[in-house]
Amino acid sequence: MSLWLIIAALTAAAIGVITAFWAESVAFAMLFVVVLIGAVALHGRMGLGAFSPISVLVFLYLTLAVTGPLVAGTVAAGQGVSAQISLSLLATQGAYLVFVTAAGATVVGALLYSIARPPQTPQSELLPAGTLGSHRVRMIAAIFSITPLGLEVAAHGAGLLYRTEYIPFSDAGNPIVAAAHTLALPAIAVLGWLTQVSVTRIGKFLSYSMLVLYSLVLFALGTRTLALLPVMAALGMLAARPNSARTRAIMLFATVAGVLLLQVPLALRTSPYHGLLPYFQTLSHGIGTFNAPAVASNVLFAFQLTGQVAFVAPPLSLDTLWISLDPRPGASVGWYDIAPDLRINFYTPYNALGELANHGWLALAAFFVVVGAYFGHLSGQVKRLLSLGQGLAGLILFGLACLFIVLTLQYNLRSSVRILYYTLAFELAISLVRVIARYAMARRRQPPVPALRLILQRIGMETDAITSQLP
């Protein structure tokens, strides 16, 4: 029922927005409806659940397509965004088509994958029982979850307590900062998972304590990631107990809390001084009432940014596209030579959707057809892992896919694509673990052979081999 309510709301919003802005363009509404119908058909064909990257991407892009025009020409810098962008009517229409085309191409790619690889009944055992739920795996998950926190502390040091700049210039191109920011959200989701699967009270206590430490560090950085912390933690809890009404209620509450929390970093970034201590002092004086326009502008800024990069910014060269897609380190392919040119200003990089559209409609559509095919595969993997109780692996795959989706809205194409490479690498790691674990189980099931008997068998085999070669 909830899916159909979302579909009805999106359709009504699309018709209302398109009628208000482009009354003569019936084709805009028809394209939206066709993509939406295709997404619903795909949802039924593949049996997509709540943890489906396809559903997240398609419905998020379609939502931004119909809500973005409402603020396309009204938001100025300082109202929750880092750059002043005012789109013309033509650029607004173009940005709308970029989001709808990307969503439609994703549906096409996933549909092609489902035709080539029809949905299959989950195997009885993807991995040996307990492989991803053992004490060892919980320890590995705990070590992973604290790594980004340690990287943040190592990168910023005393700057977490007090600094004079919101984003220090030294953060640009710093690999430690990039790694910490990239891994923070998956680590928070893993901590949420650990709060549910830890078998001891001390384990649960430490998991919740680490979430508190993450909230303090993200608060000290004044980053919008703070608003995503309750959502990602609740997502981890839901992955651990997907059938629990309690975790579903926590997910709903966390989503509302995330929207309200977004007001905090937006207010703190305008402070004259930055860090944990100045921010606590700012909070003690209050940050005013909830600024709904600023929050909405920050969320919908991706629409404006896409239109600006795709239709206003100078054309990008083909070499830029290949460098962005190249999996090799940035220093090896010349990324750091072109990265400064792929920005609106110091605080606002181009986004992936805008870059692809700048290269042309064919590049945009082809890229998301490939993404749709891979997400079709990924949705099946996540569904099987969750159904077999291997929630950690499914959570990480789903979390990485969602991170890719978020990055396409406000970060460079190269930053987004690298998340896909990390996701593929993690899938390969799961396959390797599966092979090693099955091999180990097969060895344990074999009856033990005494060492002397094994030696005699080896000698006998070698003797027979020598004898057979004699005339």
Protein backbone atom coordinates (compact mmCIF):
# COMPACT_ATOMS: atom_id res chain seq x y z
CA MET A 1 0.00 0.00 0.00
CA SER A 2 2.81 2.44 0.87
CA LEU A 3 4.38 1.94 -2.56
CA TRP A 4 1.17 2.90 -4.32
CA LEU A 5 0.77 5.97 -2.09
CA ILE A 6 4.28 7.08 -3.10
CA ILE A 7 3.45 6.50 -6.78
CA ALA A 8 0.18 8.44 -6.53
CA ALA A 9 1.89 11.33 -4.74
CA LEU A 10 4.71 11.48 -7.29
CA THR A 11 2.29 11.40 -10.22
CA ALA A 12 0.13 14.17 -8.75
CA ALA A 13 3.20 16.27 -7.98
CA ALA A 14 4.58 15.76 -11.49
CA ILE A 15 1.34 16.80 -13.15
CA GLY A 16 1.04 19.83 -10.87
CA VAL A 17 4.63 21.03 -11.37
CA ILE A 18 4.67 20.44 -15.11
CA THR A 19 1.33 22.16 -15.57
CA ALA A 20 2.51 25.14 -13.54
CA PHE A 21 5.85 25.57 -15.29
CA TRP A 22 5.42 24.13 -18.77
CA ALA A 23 1.72 23.96 -19.56
CA GLU A 24 2.38 23.36 -23.24
CA SER A 25 4.77 20.43 -22.69
CA VAL A 26 2.59 17.34 -22.35
CA ALA A 27 5.58 15.22 -23.36
CA PHE A 28 7.32 16.08 -20.07
CA ALA A 29 4.45 14.59 -18.07
CA MET A 30 4.16 11.57 -20.35
CA LEU A 31 7.86 10.75 -20.00
CA PHE A 32 7.61 10.93 -16.22
CA VAL A 33 4.55 8.64 -16.16
CA VAL A 34 6.20 6.10 -18.49
CA VAL A 35 9.30 5.91 -16.28
CA LEU A 36 7.16 5.57 -13.16
CA ILE A 37 5.09 2.77 -14.70
CA GLY A 38 8.28 1.02 -15.79
CA ALA A 39 9.66 1.26 -12.25
CA VAL A 40 6.47 -0.25 -10.81
CA ALA A 41 6.52 -3.08 -13.38
CA LEU A 42 10.17 -3.77 -12.59
CA HIS A 43 9.39 -3.74 -8.87
CA GLY A 44 6.84 -6.51 -9.39
CA ARG A 45 8.94 -8.53 -11.85
CA MET A 46 12.07 -8.63 -9.68
CA GLY A 47 10.28 -8.69 -6.33
CA LEU A 48 12.25 -5.69 -5.11
CA GLY A 49 12.07 -5.08 -1.37
CA ALA A 50 12.88 -2.17 0.91
CA PHE A 51 16.63 -2.80 0.51
CA SER A 52 16.69 -2.29 -3.26
CA PRO A 53 19.20 0.22 -4.70
CA ILE A 54 17.05 0.44 -7.85
CA SER A 55 13.99 1.63 -5.93
CA VAL A 56 16.03 4.16 -3.94
CA LEU A 57 17.65 5.65 -7.05
CA VAL A 58 14.54 5.79 -9.22
CA PHE A 59 12.15 7.22 -6.65
CA LEU A 60 14.73 9.71 -5.32
CA TYR A 61 15.55 10.99 -8.81
CA LEU A 62 11.87 11.24 -9.75
CA THR A 63 11.11 13.08 -6.51
CA LEU A 64 13.88 15.61 -7.21
CA ALA A 65 12.65 15.97 -10.79
CA VAL A 66 9.23 17.18 -9.67
CA THR A 67 10.29 19.19 -6.61
CA GLY A 68 13.45 20.79 -7.99
CA PRO A 69 11.70 23.28 -10.30
CA LEU A 70 9.94 24.78 -7.28
CA VAL A 71 13.23 26.33 -6.07
CA ALA A 72 15.22 26.40 -9.32
CA GLY A 73 15.26 30.17 -9.58
CA THR A 74 14.69 31.32 -6.00
CA VAL A 75 17.47 30.10 -3.71
CA ALA A 76 20.48 32.30 -2.97
CA ALA A 77 23.78 31.46 -1.32
CA GLY A 78 23.51 31.36 2.45
CA GLN A 79 20.02 29.87 2.41
CA GLY A 80 21.29 26.38 3.15
CA VAL A 81 23.52 26.13 0.06
CA SER A 82 27.12 27.04 -0.80
CA ALA A 83 26.61 28.74 -4.17
CA GLN A 84 24.06 31.06 -5.72
CA ILE A 85 22.51 29.43 -8.78
CA SER A 86 19.51 30.75 -10.64
CA LEU A 87 18.42 28.59 -13.56
CA SER A 88 16.65 29.84 -16.65
CA LEU A 89 13.44 28.15 -17.78
CA LEU A 90 15.35 26.22 -20.44
CA ALA A 91 17.98 25.00 -17.96
CA THR A 92 15.21 24.06 -15.51
CA GLN A 93 13.51 21.94 -18.15
CA GLY A 94 16.85 20.38 -19.01
CA ALA A 95 17.60 19.50 -15.37
CA TYR A 96 14.14 17.91 -15.08
CA LEU A 97 14.87 15.77 -18.14
CA VAL A 98 18.29 14.77 -16.75
CA PHE A 99 16.74 13.30 -13.61
CA VAL A 100 13.93 11.56 -15.47
CA THR A 101 16.30 10.21 -18.13
CA ALA A 102 18.70 8.87 -15.50
CA ALA A 103 15.84 7.16 -13.67
CA GLY A 104 14.44 5.76 -16.92
CA ALA A 105 17.82 4.45 -18.09
CA THR A 106 18.29 2.75 -14.71
CA VAL A 107 14.93 1.00 -15.12
CA VAL A 108 15.89 -0.09 -18.66
CA GLY A 109 19.23 -1.46 -17.47
CA ALA A 110 17.64 -3.39 -14.60
CA LEU A 111 14.93 -4.72 -16.94
CA LEU A 112 17.56 -5.96 -19.41
CA TYR A 113 19.38 -7.67 -16.56
CA SER A 114 16.18 -9.34 -15.32
CA ILE A 115 15.51 -10.65 -18.85
CA ALA A 116 19.04 -12.00 -19.18
CA ARG A 117 19.10 -13.36 -15.63
CA PRO A 118 15.54 -14.14 -14.45
CA PRO A 119 14.96 -13.97 -10.68
CA GLN A 120 15.93 -17.24 -9.00
CA THR A 121 14.92 -18.86 -5.76
CA PRO A 122 17.57 -18.19 -3.13
CA GLN A 123 20.00 -21.05 -2.65
CA SER A 124 19.74 -22.95 0.58
CA GLU A 125 23.20 -21.79 1.55
CA LEU A 126 25.18 -18.97 -0.02
CA LEU A 127 27.76 -19.18 2.73
CA PRO A 128 28.24 -21.78 5.44
CA ALA A 129 26.04 -21.13 8.43
CA GLY A 130 27.54 -18.59 10.79
CA THR A 131 30.18 -17.36 8.35
CA LEU A 132 28.86 -13.79 8.52
CA GLY A 133 27.37 -13.97 12.01
CA SER A 134 30.25 -15.37 14.04
CA HIS A 135 32.20 -13.72 16.81
CA ARG A 136 35.11 -13.22 14.42
CA VAL A 137 32.94 -11.34 11.96
CA ARG A 138 31.53 -9.14 14.70
CA MET A 139 35.09 -8.29 15.72
CA ILE A 140 36.02 -7.43 12.12
CA ALA A 141 32.87 -5.28 11.86
CA ALA A 142 33.79 -3.48 15.08
CA ILE A 143 37.32 -2.75 13.84
CA PHE A 144 35.95 -1.46 10.54
CA SER A 145 33.40 0.74 12.30
CA ILE A 146 36.01 2.59 14.37
CA THR A 147 38.48 3.11 11.51
CA PRO A 148 36.84 6.22 9.95
CA LEU A 149 36.56 7.78 13.39
CA GLY A 150 40.27 7.29 13.95
CA LEU A 151 41.02 8.74 10.51
CA GLU A 152 38.95 11.85 11.26
CA VAL A 153 40.79 12.41 14.53
CA ALA A 154 44.17 11.82 12.84
CA ALA A 155 43.34 14.23 9.99
CA HIS A 156 41.92 17.10 12.05
CA GLY A 157 43.47 16.68 15.51
CA ALA A 158 42.91 19.77 17.64
CA GLY A 159 40.90 21.29 14.80
CA LEU A 160 37.98 19.19 15.96
CA LEU A 161 37.91 21.28 19.13
CA TYR A 162 38.68 24.70 17.62
CA ARG A 163 39.54 26.09 14.19
CA THR A 164 39.05 29.35 12.32
CA GLU A 165 37.90 27.86 9.01
CA TYR A 166 34.77 25.84 8.33
CA ILE A 167 36.61 23.59 5.83
CA PRO A 168 40.40 23.89 6.17
CA PHE A 169 42.20 24.34 2.87
CA SER A 170 44.43 21.37 3.75
CA ASP A 171 41.40 19.05 3.49
CA ALA A 172 41.32 19.43 -0.29
CA GLY A 173 42.89 16.37 -1.87
CA ASN A 174 43.86 14.87 1.50
CA PRO A 175 43.47 11.07 1.05
CA ILE A 176 42.95 10.52 4.79
CA VAL A 177 40.07 13.00 4.87
CA ALA A 178 38.58 11.51 1.70
CA ALA A 179 38.76 7.98 3.13
CA ALA A 180 37.24 9.07 6.45
CA HIS A 181 34.34 10.89 4.78
CA THR A 182 33.68 7.98 2.40
CA LEU A 183 33.70 5.28 5.08
CA ALA A 184 31.88 7.20 7.83
CA LEU A 185 28.32 6.39 6.74
CA PRO A 186 28.94 2.66 6.12
CA ALA A 187 30.71 2.48 9.49
CA ILE A 188 27.72 4.07 11.23
CA ALA A 189 25.39 1.56 9.57
CA VAL A 190 27.62 -1.29 10.75
CA LEU A 191 27.49 0.10 14.29
CA GLY A 192 23.70 0.09 14.07
CA TRP A 193 23.89 -3.55 13.02
CA LEU A 194 26.21 -4.35 15.93
CA THR A 195 23.76 -2.87 18.45
CA GLN A 196 21.34 -5.63 17.46
CA VAL A 197 23.61 -8.65 16.93
CA SER A 198 26.03 -8.21 19.82
CA VAL A 199 25.43 -11.02 22.29
CA THR A 200 26.81 -9.26 25.36
CA ARG A 201 25.76 -6.10 27.15
CA ILE A 202 29.25 -4.66 26.90
CA GLY A 203 29.17 -5.19 23.13
CA LYS A 204 25.88 -3.31 22.82
CA PHE A 205 27.11 -0.57 25.15
CA LEU A 206 30.30 -0.06 23.14
CA SER A 207 28.32 0.07 19.88
CA TYR A 208 26.02 2.78 21.20
CA SER A 209 29.01 4.62 22.70
CA MET A 210 30.74 4.66 19.31
CA LEU A 211 27.59 6.14 17.75
CA VAL A 212 27.73 8.92 20.34
CA LEU A 213 31.40 9.57 19.51
CA TYR A 214 30.58 9.70 15.81
CA SER A 215 27.83 12.24 16.51
CA LEU A 216 30.29 14.44 18.43
CA VAL A 217 32.94 14.29 15.68
CA LEU A 218 30.43 14.99 12.90
CA PHE A 219 28.97 17.82 14.99
CA ALA A 220 32.46 19.27 15.46
CA LEU A 221 33.01 19.16 11.69
CA GLY A 222 29.66 20.86 11.04
CA THR A 223 28.97 18.42 8.23
CA ARG A 224 25.60 17.45 6.79
CA THR A 225 26.57 13.83 7.42
CA LEU A 226 25.38 14.48 10.97
CA ALA A 227 21.80 14.51 9.67
CA LEU A 228 22.31 11.10 8.06
CA LEU A 229 23.71 9.49 11.21
CA PRO A 230 20.34 8.45 12.73
CA VAL A 231 19.13 7.21 9.33
CA MET A 232 22.20 5.04 8.69
CA ALA A 233 22.25 3.68 12.25
CA ALA A 234 18.56 2.77 11.98
CA LEU A 235 19.22 1.18 8.60
CA GLY A 236 21.82 -1.06 10.22
CA MET A 237 19.35 -2.05 12.93
CA LEU A 238 16.72 -2.81 10.30
CA ALA A 239 19.16 -4.98 8.34
CA ALA A 240 19.86 -7.00 11.49
CA ARG A 241 16.16 -7.44 12.28
CA PRO A 242 14.20 -6.77 9.05
CA ASN A 243 10.98 -8.34 10.34
CA SER A 244 10.88 -6.44 13.61
CA ALA A 245 8.15 -3.82 14.05
CA ARG A 246 10.41 -2.07 16.57
CA THR A 247 13.27 -1.53 14.09
CA ARG A 248 10.82 -0.33 11.44
CA ALA A 249 9.46 2.23 13.89
CA ILE A 250 13.03 3.30 14.70
CA MET A 251 13.68 3.74 10.96
CA LEU A 252 10.66 6.03 10.62
CA PHE A 253 11.64 8.09 13.66
CA ALA A 254 15.26 8.33 12.45
CA THR A 255 14.15 9.68 9.08
CA VAL A 256 12.18 12.48 10.74
CA ALA A 257 15.10 13.16 13.11
CA GLY A 258 17.48 13.38 10.15
CA VAL A 259 15.39 16.06 8.48
CA LEU A 260 15.26 18.08 11.69
CA LEU A 261 19.00 17.63 12.34
CA LEU A 262 19.92 19.08 8.96
CA GLN A 263 19.13 22.51 10.39
CA VAL A 264 22.07 22.18 12.84
CA PRO A 265 25.03 22.01 10.40
CA LEU A 266 23.39 24.61 8.14
CA ALA A 267 23.28 27.03 11.07
CA LEU A 268 26.76 26.18 12.40
CA ARG A 269 28.61 26.67 9.11
CA THR A 270 27.95 30.44 9.33
CA SER A 271 29.63 30.73 12.75
CA PRO A 272 32.76 32.92 12.94
CA TYR A 273 34.67 30.11 14.67
CA HIS A 274 34.36 26.37 14.21
CA GLY A 275 34.87 23.18 16.17
CA LEU A 276 33.27 21.39 19.08
CA LEU A 277 33.76 24.15 21.64
CA PRO A 278 32.53 27.11 19.51
CA TYR A 279 29.59 25.05 18.25
CA PHE A 280 28.50 24.15 21.79
CA GLN A 281 28.65 27.85 22.64
CA THR A 282 26.54 28.63 19.58
CA LEU A 283 23.98 26.03 20.61
CA SER A 284 23.84 27.49 24.11
CA HIS A 285 22.56 30.73 22.56
CA GLY A 286 20.14 28.84 20.33
CA ILE A 287 20.05 28.49 16.55
CA GLY A 288 16.60 29.91 16.05
CA THR A 289 13.47 28.22 14.83
CA PHE A 290 13.45 25.44 12.28
CA ASN A 291 14.24 27.00 8.89
CA ALA A 292 12.25 24.84 6.48
CA PRO A 293 13.20 26.84 3.34
CA ALA A 294 16.93 26.50 4.08
CA VAL A 295 16.61 22.75 4.69
CA ALA A 296 14.55 22.28 1.53
CA SER A 297 17.00 24.35 -0.48
CA ASN A 298 19.93 22.28 0.73
CA VAL A 299 18.19 19.03 -0.21
CA LEU A 300 16.96 20.32 -3.58
CA PHE A 301 20.22 22.08 -4.42
CA ALA A 302 21.18 18.98 -6.43
CA PHE A 303 18.57 20.00 -9.02
CA GLN A 304 20.05 23.47 -9.43
CA LEU A 305 23.60 22.14 -9.48
CA THR A 306 22.69 19.61 -12.18
CA GLY A 307 21.16 22.27 -14.38
CA GLN A 308 24.13 24.60 -13.91
CA VAL A 309 26.78 21.97 -14.68
CA ALA A 310 24.89 20.39 -17.57
CA PHE A 311 23.64 23.45 -19.44
CA VAL A 312 25.51 26.54 -18.20
CA ALA A 313 29.07 25.38 -17.43
CA PRO A 314 31.60 25.16 -20.29
CA PRO A 315 31.57 21.88 -22.27
CA LEU A 316 33.73 19.14 -20.78
CA SER A 317 36.25 17.26 -22.89
CA LEU A 318 36.07 13.53 -23.56
CA ASP A 319 39.36 13.10 -21.70
CA THR A 320 37.63 14.38 -18.57
CA LEU A 321 35.04 11.62 -18.88
CA TRP A 322 37.68 8.87 -19.25
CA ILE A 323 39.68 10.21 -16.30
CA SER A 324 36.52 10.23 -14.17
CA LEU A 325 35.75 6.61 -15.08
CA ASP A 326 39.32 5.32 -14.75
CA PRO A 327 39.69 3.07 -11.65
CA ARG A 328 43.39 3.84 -11.24
CA PRO A 329 44.60 6.30 -8.55
CA GLY A 330 44.02 9.96 -9.32
CA ALA A 331 47.70 10.82 -9.42
CA SER A 332 48.26 8.22 -12.14
CA VAL A 333 45.57 9.50 -14.51
CA GLY A 334 45.89 13.26 -14.04
CA TRP A 335 42.77 13.73 -11.91
CA TYR A 336 44.33 16.37 -9.68
CA ASP A 337 45.21 18.45 -12.74
CA ILE A 338 41.56 18.75 -13.84
CA ALA A 339 39.77 18.57 -10.48
CA PRO A 340 40.04 22.35 -9.76
CA ASP A 341 38.21 23.06 -13.03
CA LEU A 342 35.30 20.78 -12.08
CA ARG A 343 33.91 23.07 -9.39
CA ILE A 344 31.44 25.93 -9.11
CA ASN A 345 33.55 27.36 -6.26
CA PHE A 346 35.88 26.04 -3.57
CA TYR A 347 33.00 24.57 -1.58
CA THR A 348 30.87 23.31 -4.47
CA PRO A 349 32.16 20.61 -6.85
CA TYR A 350 30.35 19.63 -10.03
CA ASN A 351 27.99 16.70 -9.54
CA ALA A 352 28.00 13.42 -11.44
CA LEU A 353 24.57 13.90 -13.04
CA GLY A 354 25.54 17.32 -14.36
CA GLU A 355 28.90 16.11 -15.69
CA LEU A 356 27.31 13.20 -17.57
CA ALA A 357 24.63 15.44 -19.07
CA ASN A 358 27.34 17.94 -20.04
CA HIS A 359 28.95 15.14 -22.07
CA GLY A 360 25.64 14.52 -23.83
CA TRP A 361 22.38 12.60 -23.49
CA LEU A 362 23.96 9.43 -24.88
CA ALA A 363 26.66 9.41 -22.19
CA LEU A 364 24.04 10.00 -19.48
CA ALA A 365 21.72 7.24 -20.72
CA ALA A 366 24.48 4.70 -21.36
CA PHE A 367 26.02 5.23 -17.93
CA PHE A 368 22.75 4.68 -16.09
CA VAL A 369 21.79 1.67 -18.21
CA VAL A 370 25.00 0.04 -16.96
CA VAL A 371 24.26 1.21 -13.41
CA GLY A 372 20.73 -0.19 -13.69
CA ALA A 373 22.01 -3.59 -14.83
CA TYR A 374 24.51 -3.72 -11.98
CA PHE A 375 21.91 -2.56 -9.44
CA GLY A 376 19.58 -5.28 -10.73
CA HIS A 377 22.26 -7.82 -9.88
CA LEU A 378 22.99 -6.08 -6.59
CA SER A 379 19.34 -6.03 -5.52
CA GLY A 380 19.18 -9.80 -5.93
CA GLN A 381 22.38 -10.24 -3.94
CA VAL A 382 21.16 -8.05 -1.09
CA LYS A 383 17.78 -9.79 -1.01
CA ARG A 384 19.38 -13.26 -0.86
CA LEU A 385 21.87 -12.29 1.83
CA LEU A 386 19.17 -10.76 4.03
CA SER A 387 16.85 -13.74 3.54
CA LEU A 388 19.63 -16.08 4.69
CA GLY A 389 20.32 -14.06 7.83
CA GLN A 390 23.61 -12.66 6.54
CA GLY A 391 22.59 -9.08 7.22
CA LEU A 392 26.04 -7.54 7.54
CA ALA A 393 27.10 -8.37 3.98
CA GLY A 394 23.72 -7.30 2.60
CA LEU A 395 23.83 -4.08 4.62
CA ILE A 396 27.29 -3.13 3.36
CA LEU A 397 26.31 -3.76 -0.28
CA PHE A 398 23.11 -1.75 0.10
CA GLY A 399 24.88 1.01 2.01
CA LEU A 400 27.56 1.39 -0.65
CA ALA A 401 24.91 1.56 -3.37
CA CYS A 402 23.03 4.27 -1.47
CA LEU A 403 26.28 6.17 -0.95
CA PHE A 404 26.82 6.12 -4.71
CA ILE A 405 23.32 7.52 -5.26
CA VAL A 406 23.90 10.36 -2.79
CA LEU A 407 27.29 11.22 -4.28
CA THR A 408 25.86 11.51 -7.80
CA LEU A 409 23.77 14.44 -6.57
CA GLN A 410 26.45 16.72 -5.13
CA TYR A 411 29.91 15.30 -5.88
CA ASN A 412 32.09 14.68 -8.92
CA LEU A 413 31.53 11.75 -11.25
CA ARG A 414 34.88 10.24 -10.27
CA SER A 415 33.95 10.25 -6.58
CA SER A 416 30.67 8.49 -7.38
CA VAL A 417 32.15 5.89 -9.72
CA ARG A 418 34.79 4.87 -7.22
CA ILE A 419 32.03 3.78 -4.84
CA LEU A 420 30.86 1.35 -7.52
CA TYR A 421 34.39 -0.04 -7.76
CA TYR A 422 34.48 -0.46 -3.97
CA THR A 423 31.12 -2.26 -4.12
CA LEU A 424 32.38 -4.63 -6.79
CA ALA A 425 35.54 -5.28 -4.78
CA PHE A 426 33.44 -6.12 -1.71
CA GLU A 427 31.36 -8.54 -3.77
CA LEU A 428 34.54 -10.27 -4.90
CA ALA A 429 35.65 -10.44 -1.27
CA ILE A 430 32.35 -12.13 -0.33
CA SER A 431 32.89 -14.68 -3.10
CA LEU A 432 36.41 -15.36 -1.85
CA VAL A 433 35.17 -15.84 1.71
CA ARG A 434 32.49 -18.20 0.40
CA VAL A 435 35.04 -20.35 -1.44
CA ILE A 436 37.47 -20.47 1.51
CA ALA A 437 34.70 -21.26 4.01
CA ARG A 438 33.25 -24.06 1.90
CA TYR A 439 36.70 -25.52 1.36
CA ALA A 440 37.36 -25.44 5.10
CA MET A 441 34.03 -27.15 5.82
CA ALA A 442 34.73 -29.82 3.21
CA ARG A 443 38.11 -30.51 4.82
CA ARG A 444 36.52 -30.81 8.26
CA ARG A 445 33.95 -33.31 6.96
CA GLN A 446 36.63 -35.64 5.56
CA PRO A 447 37.59 -38.50 7.90
CA PRO A 448 41.04 -38.03 9.43
CA VAL A 449 43.82 -40.03 7.77
CA PRO A 450 46.67 -41.15 10.03
CA ALA A 451 49.97 -39.65 9.01
CA LEU A 452 51.65 -43.06 8.59
CA ARG A 453 48.90 -44.35 6.33
CA LEU A 454 49.11 -41.19 4.24
CA ILE A 455 52.89 -41.62 3.85
CA LEU A 456 52.53 -45.28 2.86
CA GLN A 457 49.85 -44.41 0.30
CA ARG A 458 52.12 -41.74 -1.18
CA ILE A 459 55.05 -44.22 -1.37
CA GLY A 460 52.85 -46.85 -2.98
CA MET A 461 51.61 -44.39 -5.60
CA GLU A 462 55.16 -43.36 -6.48
CA THR A 463 56.28 -47.02 -6.65
CA ASP A 464 53.43 -47.90 -9.02
CA ALA A 465 54.30 -44.92 -11.20
CA ILE A 466 57.96 -46.01 -11.47
CA THR A 467 57.01 -49.65 -12.14
CA SER A 468 54.67 -48.70 -14.95
CA GLN A 469 57.51 -46.96 -16.75
CA LEU A 470 59.80 -50.05 -16.74
CA PRO A 471 60.02 -52.15 -19.95
